[in-house]
Amino acid sequence: ELNTTGWRALVEVYLCRCAKLRDWSLAQCKSLHVLCGPAVSHLVSLNAFGCRRLPSEALLPLLRSSAPTLRRLDLNGALGTAALTEADLRRACPNLEALDCRGRESKY
């Protein structure tokens, strides 16, 4: 498990040797916009709640590498991922049991 919840100044994350990482919370990492985890392939849960600057392009490779095992995904408030529809996310991760993709449209 890796918990970086609330690290508001976190801008970039590079995970190179975390093949067995299963649960990752990035909630409220509002500045995060680079996410690279090529070796992360066993995620069960990813919480990116409130990661406003996280773009779809940074998220998709991680979702693809963890697609067989990912069961829970929270993107509520991840404004940069608004281009990904719920259908896109379910296609990318067909084994999802819980998906929260509300609140991704900018109100400003």
C-alpha atoms as a PDB file:
ATOM      1  CA  GLU A   1       0.000   0.000   0.000  1.00  0.00           C
ATOM      2  CA  LEU A   2       1.171   3.504  -0.819  1.00  0.00           C
ATOM      3  CA  ASN A   3      -0.625   6.466   0.709  1.00  0.00           C
ATOM      4  CA  THR A   4       0.248   9.909  -0.596  1.00  0.00           C
ATOM      5  CA  THR A   5      -3.119  11.404   0.319  1.00  0.00           C
ATOM      6  CA  GLY A   6      -3.042  15.156   0.725  1.00  0.00           C
ATOM      7  CA  TRP A   7       0.444  15.736  -0.648  1.00  0.00           C
ATOM      8  CA  ARG A   8      -0.667  18.940  -2.360  1.00  0.00           C
ATOM      9  CA  ALA A   9       2.822  19.848  -3.559  1.00  0.00           C
ATOM     10  CA  LEU A  10       3.368  16.455  -5.243  1.00  0.00           C
ATOM     11  CA  VAL A  11       3.855  17.187  -8.949  1.00  0.00           C
ATOM     12  CA  GLU A  12       5.474  14.075 -10.432  1.00  0.00           C
ATOM     13  CA  VAL A  13       5.518  10.395  -9.480  1.00  0.00           C
ATOM     14  CA  TYR A  14       7.800   7.799 -11.045  1.00  0.00           C
ATOM     15  CA  LEU A  15       7.414   4.251  -9.756  1.00  0.00           C
ATOM     16  CA  CYS A  16       9.946   1.877 -11.244  1.00  0.00           C
ATOM     17  CA  ARG A  17      10.122  -1.024  -8.809  1.00  0.00           C
ATOM     18  CA  CYS A  18       6.645  -1.402  -7.403  1.00  0.00           C
ATOM     19  CA  ALA A  19       5.342  -4.435  -9.269  1.00  0.00           C
ATOM     20  CA  LYS A  20       3.519  -5.713  -6.180  1.00  0.00           C
ATOM     21  CA  LEU A  21       1.812  -2.440  -5.262  1.00  0.00           C
ATOM     22  CA  ARG A  22      -1.889  -3.212  -4.772  1.00  0.00           C
ATOM     23  CA  ASP A  23      -3.463  -0.129  -3.193  1.00  0.00           C
ATOM     24  CA  TRP A  24      -2.499   3.445  -3.996  1.00  0.00           C
ATOM     25  CA  SER A  25      -4.125   6.600  -2.683  1.00  0.00           C
ATOM     26  CA  LEU A  26      -3.267   9.861  -4.412  1.00  0.00           C
ATOM     27  CA  ALA A  27      -6.339  11.641  -3.077  1.00  0.00           C
ATOM     28  CA  GLN A  28      -6.090  15.432  -2.975  1.00  0.00           C
ATOM     29  CA  CYS A  29      -2.690  15.557  -4.713  1.00  0.00           C
ATOM     30  CA  LYS A  30      -3.969  18.634  -6.517  1.00  0.00           C
ATOM     31  CA  SER A  31      -0.706  19.513  -8.302  1.00  0.00           C
ATOM     32  CA  LEU A  32       0.042  16.033  -9.647  1.00  0.00           C
ATOM     33  CA  HIS A  33       0.324  16.029 -13.424  1.00  0.00           C
ATOM     34  CA  VAL A  34       2.987  13.403 -14.198  1.00  0.00           C
ATOM     35  CA  LEU A  35       2.350   9.792 -13.278  1.00  0.00           C
ATOM     36  CA  CYS A  36       4.647   7.075 -14.525  1.00  0.00           C
ATOM     37  CA  GLY A  37       4.438   3.547 -13.195  1.00  0.00           C
ATOM     38  CA  PRO A  38       5.463   1.118 -15.946  1.00  0.00           C
ATOM     39  CA  ALA A  39       6.130  -1.711 -13.508  1.00  0.00           C
ATOM     40  CA  VAL A  40       2.888  -1.279 -11.551  1.00  0.00           C
ATOM     41  CA  SER A  41       0.816  -4.176 -12.794  1.00  0.00           C
ATOM     42  CA  HIS A  42      -1.079  -5.534  -9.799  1.00  0.00           C
ATOM     43  CA  LEU A  43      -3.087  -2.539  -8.594  1.00  0.00           C
ATOM     44  CA  VAL A  44      -6.415  -3.477  -7.070  1.00  0.00           C
ATOM     45  CA  SER A  45      -7.371   0.015  -5.923  1.00  0.00           C
ATOM     46  CA  LEU A  46      -6.412   3.471  -7.208  1.00  0.00           C
ATOM     47  CA  ASN A  47      -7.777   6.580  -5.523  1.00  0.00           C
ATOM     48  CA  ALA A  48      -7.087   9.764  -7.494  1.00  0.00           C
ATOM     49  CA  PHE A  49      -9.895  11.766  -5.886  1.00  0.00           C
ATOM     50  CA  GLY A  50      -9.259  15.480  -6.333  1.00  0.00           C
ATOM     51  CA  CYS A  51      -6.158  15.129  -8.531  1.00  0.00           C
ATOM     52  CA  ARG A  52      -7.298  18.108 -10.589  1.00  0.00           C
ATOM     53  CA  ARG A  53      -4.264  18.399 -12.882  1.00  0.00           C
ATOM     54  CA  LEU A  54      -3.764  14.697 -13.604  1.00  0.00           C
ATOM     55  CA  PRO A  55      -4.251  14.301 -17.372  1.00  0.00           C
ATOM     56  CA  SER A  56      -5.775  11.307 -19.114  1.00  0.00           C
ATOM     57  CA  GLU A  57      -2.494  10.738 -20.955  1.00  0.00           C
ATOM     58  CA  ALA A  58      -0.695  10.165 -17.655  1.00  0.00           C
ATOM     59  CA  LEU A  59      -3.390   7.903 -16.246  1.00  0.00           C
ATOM     60  CA  LEU A  60      -4.102   5.568 -19.179  1.00  0.00           C
ATOM     61  CA  PRO A  61      -0.770   3.661 -19.241  1.00  0.00           C
ATOM     62  CA  LEU A  62      -1.144   2.874 -15.541  1.00  0.00           C
ATOM     63  CA  LEU A  63      -4.735   1.727 -16.046  1.00  0.00           C
ATOM     64  CA  ARG A  64      -3.726  -0.483 -18.967  1.00  0.00           C
ATOM     65  CA  SER A  65      -0.891  -2.141 -17.075  1.00  0.00           C
ATOM     66  CA  SER A  66      -3.183  -2.851 -14.106  1.00  0.00           C
ATOM     67  CA  ALA A  67      -6.341  -3.647 -16.079  1.00  0.00           C
ATOM     68  CA  PRO A  68      -6.552  -7.352 -15.148  1.00  0.00           C
ATOM     69  CA  THR A  69      -6.384  -6.694 -11.400  1.00  0.00           C
ATOM     70  CA  LEU A  70      -7.903  -3.212 -10.934  1.00  0.00           C
ATOM     71  CA  ARG A  71     -11.205  -3.429  -9.041  1.00  0.00           C
ATOM     72  CA  ARG A  72     -11.674   0.059  -7.529  1.00  0.00           C
ATOM     73  CA  LEU A  73     -11.018   3.382  -9.238  1.00  0.00           C
ATOM     74  CA  ASP A  74     -11.880   6.809  -7.849  1.00  0.00           C
ATOM     75  CA  LEU A  75     -11.428   9.738 -10.238  1.00  0.00           C
ATOM     76  CA  ASN A  76     -13.962  12.047  -8.600  1.00  0.00           C
ATOM     77  CA  GLY A  77     -12.671  15.585  -9.063  1.00  0.00           C
ATOM     78  CA  ALA A  78      -9.836  14.549 -11.375  1.00  0.00           C
ATOM     79  CA  LEU A  79     -10.660  17.321 -13.845  1.00  0.00           C
ATOM     80  CA  GLY A  80      -7.852  16.477 -16.262  1.00  0.00           C
ATOM     81  CA  THR A  81      -9.389  13.069 -16.959  1.00  0.00           C
ATOM     82  CA  ALA A  82     -12.767  14.428 -18.108  1.00  0.00           C
ATOM     83  CA  ALA A  83     -12.090  13.328 -21.707  1.00  0.00           C
ATOM     84  CA  LEU A  84     -12.306   9.707 -20.557  1.00  0.00           C
ATOM     85  CA  THR A  85     -15.920   8.603 -20.403  1.00  0.00           C
ATOM     86  CA  GLU A  86     -17.202   5.988 -17.997  1.00  0.00           C
ATOM     87  CA  ALA A  87     -17.438   3.613 -20.978  1.00  0.00           C
ATOM     88  CA  ASP A  88     -13.771   4.325 -21.872  1.00  0.00           C
ATOM     89  CA  LEU A  89     -12.713   3.558 -18.309  1.00  0.00           C
ATOM     90  CA  ARG A  90     -14.736   0.342 -18.163  1.00  0.00           C
ATOM     91  CA  ARG A  91     -13.280  -0.796 -21.504  1.00  0.00           C
ATOM     92  CA  ALA A  92      -9.738  -0.051 -20.310  1.00  0.00           C
ATOM     93  CA  CYS A  93     -10.381  -1.840 -16.992  1.00  0.00           C
ATOM     94  CA  PRO A  94     -13.040  -4.503 -17.583  1.00  0.00           C
ATOM     95  CA  ASN A  95     -12.828  -5.969 -14.062  1.00  0.00           C
ATOM     96  CA  LEU A  96     -13.804  -2.778 -12.212  1.00  0.00           C
ATOM     97  CA  GLU A  97     -16.294  -3.356  -9.431  1.00  0.00           C
ATOM     98  CA  ALA A  98     -16.373   0.229  -8.139  1.00  0.00           C
ATOM     99  CA  LEU A  99     -15.885   3.314 -10.293  1.00  0.00           C
ATOM    100  CA  ASP A 100     -16.396   6.920  -9.230  1.00  0.00           C
ATOM    101  CA  CYS A 101     -15.926   9.299 -12.120  1.00  0.00           C
ATOM    102  CA  ARG A 102     -18.230  12.077 -10.971  1.00  0.00           C
ATOM    103  CA  GLY A 103     -17.167  15.680 -10.557  1.00  0.00           C
ATOM    104  CA  ARG A 104     -14.697  15.772 -13.433  1.00  0.00           C
ATOM    105  CA  GLU A 105     -16.251  18.693 -15.294  1.00  0.00           C
ATOM    106  CA  SER A 106     -14.769  22.082 -14.471  1.00  0.00           C
ATOM    107  CA  LYS A 107     -17.261  24.477 -12.945  1.00  0.00           C
ATOM    108  CA  TYR A 108     -15.259  27.550 -13.975  1.00  0.00           C
END
